[in-house]
N, C-alpha and C. Protein backbone atom coordinates (compact mmCIF):
# COMPACT_ATOMS: atom_id res chain seq x y z
N MET A 1 -7.66 -32.33 4.34
CA MET A 1 -6.18 -32.03 5.03
C MET A 1 -6.80 -31.40 6.72
N SER A 2 -6.01 -31.64 7.34
CA SER A 2 -6.39 -31.49 8.69
C SER A 2 -6.15 -30.28 9.20
N LYS A 3 -6.81 -29.64 10.48
CA LYS A 3 -6.50 -28.38 10.65
C LYS A 3 -5.24 -27.83 11.09
N ALA A 4 -5.22 -29.08 11.43
CA ALA A 4 -2.93 -28.02 12.58
C ALA A 4 -1.88 -28.77 10.66
N VAL A 5 -2.53 -29.05 10.36
CA VAL A 5 -1.98 -29.74 8.43
C VAL A 5 -1.72 -27.61 8.17
N VAL A 6 -2.85 -26.81 8.10
CA VAL A 6 -3.09 -26.26 7.83
C VAL A 6 -2.48 -25.32 8.40
N GLY A 7 -3.12 -24.93 9.97
CA GLY A 7 -1.93 -23.92 10.66
C GLY A 7 -0.73 -24.32 10.43
N LEU A 8 0.30 -25.65 10.32
CA LEU A 8 2.07 -25.14 10.38
C LEU A 8 2.17 -25.17 8.88
N ILE A 9 1.36 -24.85 7.96
CA ILE A 9 1.00 -23.94 6.46
C ILE A 9 1.32 -22.35 7.34
N ALA A 10 0.04 -22.35 7.38
CA ALA A 10 0.47 -20.93 7.81
C ALA A 10 1.05 -19.88 8.28
N GLY A 11 1.59 -20.87 9.61
CA GLY A 11 2.94 -20.25 10.50
C GLY A 11 4.18 -20.72 9.58
N MET A 12 3.93 -21.26 8.93
CA MET A 12 5.21 -20.98 7.90
C MET A 12 5.48 -20.11 6.78
N ALA A 13 4.40 -19.46 6.37
CA ALA A 13 4.43 -17.83 5.51
C ALA A 13 4.56 -17.48 6.24
N LEU A 14 3.46 -17.34 7.40
CA LEU A 14 4.02 -16.16 8.25
C LEU A 14 5.92 -15.84 8.79
N GLY A 15 6.37 -17.13 8.93
CA GLY A 15 7.60 -16.84 9.63
C GLY A 15 8.54 -17.00 8.32
N PHE A 16 7.72 -17.39 7.28
CA PHE A 16 9.61 -17.11 5.65
C PHE A 16 9.11 -15.57 5.65
N ALA A 17 8.00 -15.29 5.42
CA ALA A 17 7.53 -13.65 5.04
C ALA A 17 8.35 -12.77 6.51
N GLY A 18 7.79 -13.15 7.84
CA GLY A 18 8.88 -12.25 9.00
C GLY A 18 10.66 -11.71 8.64
N TYR A 19 10.82 -13.43 8.56
CA TYR A 19 12.67 -12.94 8.18
C TYR A 19 12.95 -12.62 6.98
N PHE A 20 11.82 -12.83 6.27
CA PHE A 20 12.99 -12.56 4.21
C PHE A 20 12.35 -10.89 4.30
N GLY A 21 10.93 -10.80 4.49
CA GLY A 21 10.41 -9.28 4.17
C GLY A 21 10.11 -8.54 5.43
N GLY A 22 10.59 -8.49 6.31
CA GLY A 22 10.35 -7.77 7.51
C GLY A 22 8.66 -7.78 8.26
N PHE A 23 8.60 -6.61 8.96
CA PHE A 23 7.95 -6.98 9.83
C PHE A 23 6.33 -6.19 8.34
N TRP A 24 6.57 -5.72 8.12
CA TRP A 24 4.96 -5.48 7.16
C TRP A 24 5.15 -6.43 5.85
N ALA A 25 5.67 -7.28 5.15
CA ALA A 25 5.53 -8.40 4.94
C ALA A 25 5.09 -9.05 5.49
N PHE A 26 5.40 -9.92 6.70
CA PHE A 26 4.95 -10.28 8.28
C PHE A 26 3.35 -9.90 8.15
N LEU A 27 2.95 -8.78 8.32
CA LEU A 27 1.77 -8.11 8.37
C LEU A 27 0.56 -8.38 7.17
N LEU A 28 1.25 -7.77 5.67
CA LEU A 28 0.47 -8.56 4.87
C LEU A 28 -0.20 -9.80 4.86
N VAL A 29 1.10 -11.02 5.02
CA VAL A 29 0.70 -12.60 4.46
C VAL A 29 -0.47 -12.35 6.28
N LEU A 30 -0.37 -11.79 6.69
CA LEU A 30 -0.82 -12.40 7.87
C LEU A 30 -2.61 -11.71 7.32
N ILE A 31 -3.38 -10.74 6.86
CA ILE A 31 -3.87 -9.60 6.34
C ILE A 31 -4.91 -10.36 5.45
N LEU A 32 -3.43 -10.87 4.55
CA LEU A 32 -4.55 -11.72 3.39
C LEU A 32 -5.14 -13.13 3.60
N GLY A 33 -3.91 -13.93 4.69
CA GLY A 33 -4.92 -14.98 5.68
C GLY A 33 -5.50 -14.57 5.71
N ALA A 34 -5.87 -13.57 6.26
CA ALA A 34 -7.52 -13.80 6.71
C ALA A 34 -8.56 -13.60 5.85
N VAL A 35 -7.71 -12.41 5.11
CA VAL A 35 -8.93 -12.45 3.89
C VAL A 35 -9.39 -13.48 2.99
N GLY A 36 -8.17 -14.81 2.85
CA GLY A 36 -8.56 -15.44 2.18
C GLY A 36 -9.29 -16.89 3.32
N LEU A 37 -9.20 -16.74 4.23
CA LEU A 37 -10.48 -17.33 5.53
C LEU A 37 -11.51 -17.62 4.79
N VAL A 38 -11.81 -15.99 5.02
CA VAL A 38 -13.36 -15.39 5.19
C VAL A 38 -13.79 -15.93 4.03
N ALA A 39 -13.05 -15.30 2.94
CA ALA A 39 -13.61 -15.96 1.27
C ALA A 39 -13.47 -17.54 1.26
N GLY A 40 -12.92 -17.98 1.96
CA GLY A 40 -13.45 -19.58 1.23
C GLY A 40 -14.30 -20.19 2.85
N ARG A 41 -14.33 -19.85 3.57
CA ARG A 41 -15.99 -20.00 4.83
C ARG A 41 -17.23 -19.87 3.90
N LEU A 42 -17.28 -18.47 3.43
CA LEU A 42 -18.23 -17.58 2.58
C LEU A 42 -18.89 -18.47 1.12
N MET A 43 -17.78 -18.80 0.48
CA MET A 43 -17.79 -20.30 -0.56
C MET A 43 -17.94 -21.24 -0.25
N GLU A 44 -17.60 -21.93 1.18
CA GLU A 44 -18.04 -23.58 1.54
C GLU A 44 -19.54 -23.05 2.64
N GLY A 45 -19.70 -22.06 2.90
CA GLY A 45 -21.05 -22.10 3.09
C GLY A 45 -21.08 -21.99 4.76
N ASP A 46 -20.41 -22.22 5.07
CA ASP A 46 -20.54 -21.52 6.78
C ASP A 46 -20.29 -20.51 7.42
N LEU A 47 -20.00 -19.38 6.63
CA LEU A 47 -20.37 -18.27 6.77
C LEU A 47 -21.84 -17.52 5.80
N GLU A 48 -22.35 -16.21 6.47
CA GLU A 48 -22.85 -15.92 5.02
C GLU A 48 -22.24 -14.26 4.87
N PRO A 49 -23.20 -13.45 4.13
CA PRO A 49 -23.19 -12.64 4.11
C PRO A 49 -23.12 -11.17 5.33
N GLY A 50 -24.37 -11.60 5.33
CA GLY A 50 -25.67 -11.33 6.11
C GLY A 50 -24.20 -11.24 8.25
N ASP A 51 -23.90 -12.09 7.78
CA ASP A 51 -23.02 -12.16 9.53
C ASP A 51 -22.11 -11.21 10.23
N PHE A 52 -21.94 -10.84 8.67
CA PHE A 52 -20.83 -9.60 9.56
C PHE A 52 -21.64 -8.42 9.85
N ILE A 53 -22.68 -8.46 8.92
CA ILE A 53 -23.96 -7.12 9.31
C ILE A 53 -24.93 -6.90 10.65
N ARG A 54 -24.58 -6.35 11.69
CA ARG A 54 -25.40 -6.28 12.65
C ARG A 54 -26.89 -5.38 12.01
N ARG A 55 -27.81 -5.50 11.72
CA ARG A 55 -29.09 -4.80 12.13
C ARG A 55 -29.19 -3.83 13.25
N ARG A 56 -29.69 -2.62 12.77
CA ARG A 56 -29.77 -1.75 13.60
C ARG A 56 -31.02 -1.74 15.13
N ASP A 57 -32.07 -2.97 14.47
CA ASP A 57 -32.96 -2.73 15.34
C ASP A 57 -32.37 -4.25 16.27
N ASP A 58 -31.17 -4.79 15.62
CA ASP A 58 -31.06 -6.05 16.83
C ASP A 58 -30.68 -4.80 17.72
N HIS A 59 -29.20 -4.25 17.05
CA HIS A 59 -28.83 -3.50 18.03
C HIS A 59 -29.68 -3.13 19.20
N GLN A 60 -30.84 -1.82 18.89
CA GLN A 60 -31.37 -1.28 19.77
C GLN A 60 -31.86 -2.88 20.72
N ARG A 61 -32.60 -4.02 20.22
CA ARG A 61 -33.52 -4.95 20.46
C ARG A 61 -32.18 -5.52 21.80
N MET A 62 -31.37 -5.78 21.77
CA MET A 62 -30.08 -6.00 22.71
C MET A 62 -29.75 -4.55 24.18
N ARG A 63 -29.58 -3.62 23.74
CA ARG A 63 -30.11 -2.30 24.71
C ARG A 63 -30.71 -2.56 25.24
N ASP A 64 -31.96 -3.30 25.19
CA ASP A 64 -33.27 -2.71 26.33
C ASP A 64 -32.87 -4.33 26.51
N ASP A 65 -32.52 -5.08 26.25
CA ASP A 65 -32.48 -5.71 26.76
C ASP A 65 -31.72 -6.27 28.13
N ARG A 66 -30.59 -5.20 28.30
CA ARG A 66 -30.01 -5.21 29.01
C ARG A 66 -30.65 -4.07 30.36
N ARG A 67 -31.20 -3.59 29.19
CA ARG A 67 -31.95 -2.28 31.21
C ARG A 67 -32.26 -2.85 31.32
N GLN A 68 -33.08 -3.61 30.81
CA GLN A 68 -34.29 -4.67 31.68
C GLN A 68 -34.23 -5.80 32.47
N ALA A 69 -32.37 -6.09 32.10
CA ALA A 69 -31.75 -7.00 33.22
C ALA A 69 -32.02 -6.60 34.28
């Protein structure tokens, strides 16, 4: 299935949720869609759980690099 078709289906689902359920249903469908996207990417191997966590030493290293520049 192409990305355009997936986007079309997602847009239609959000549109139906917004029309029939109001703003909160629209928001719920949007959030659950994002969770489903992340879960699917994790299962396919495109994302790793460590991608969401930045180590403290990485943050310190980035800050030190900015000071040197």
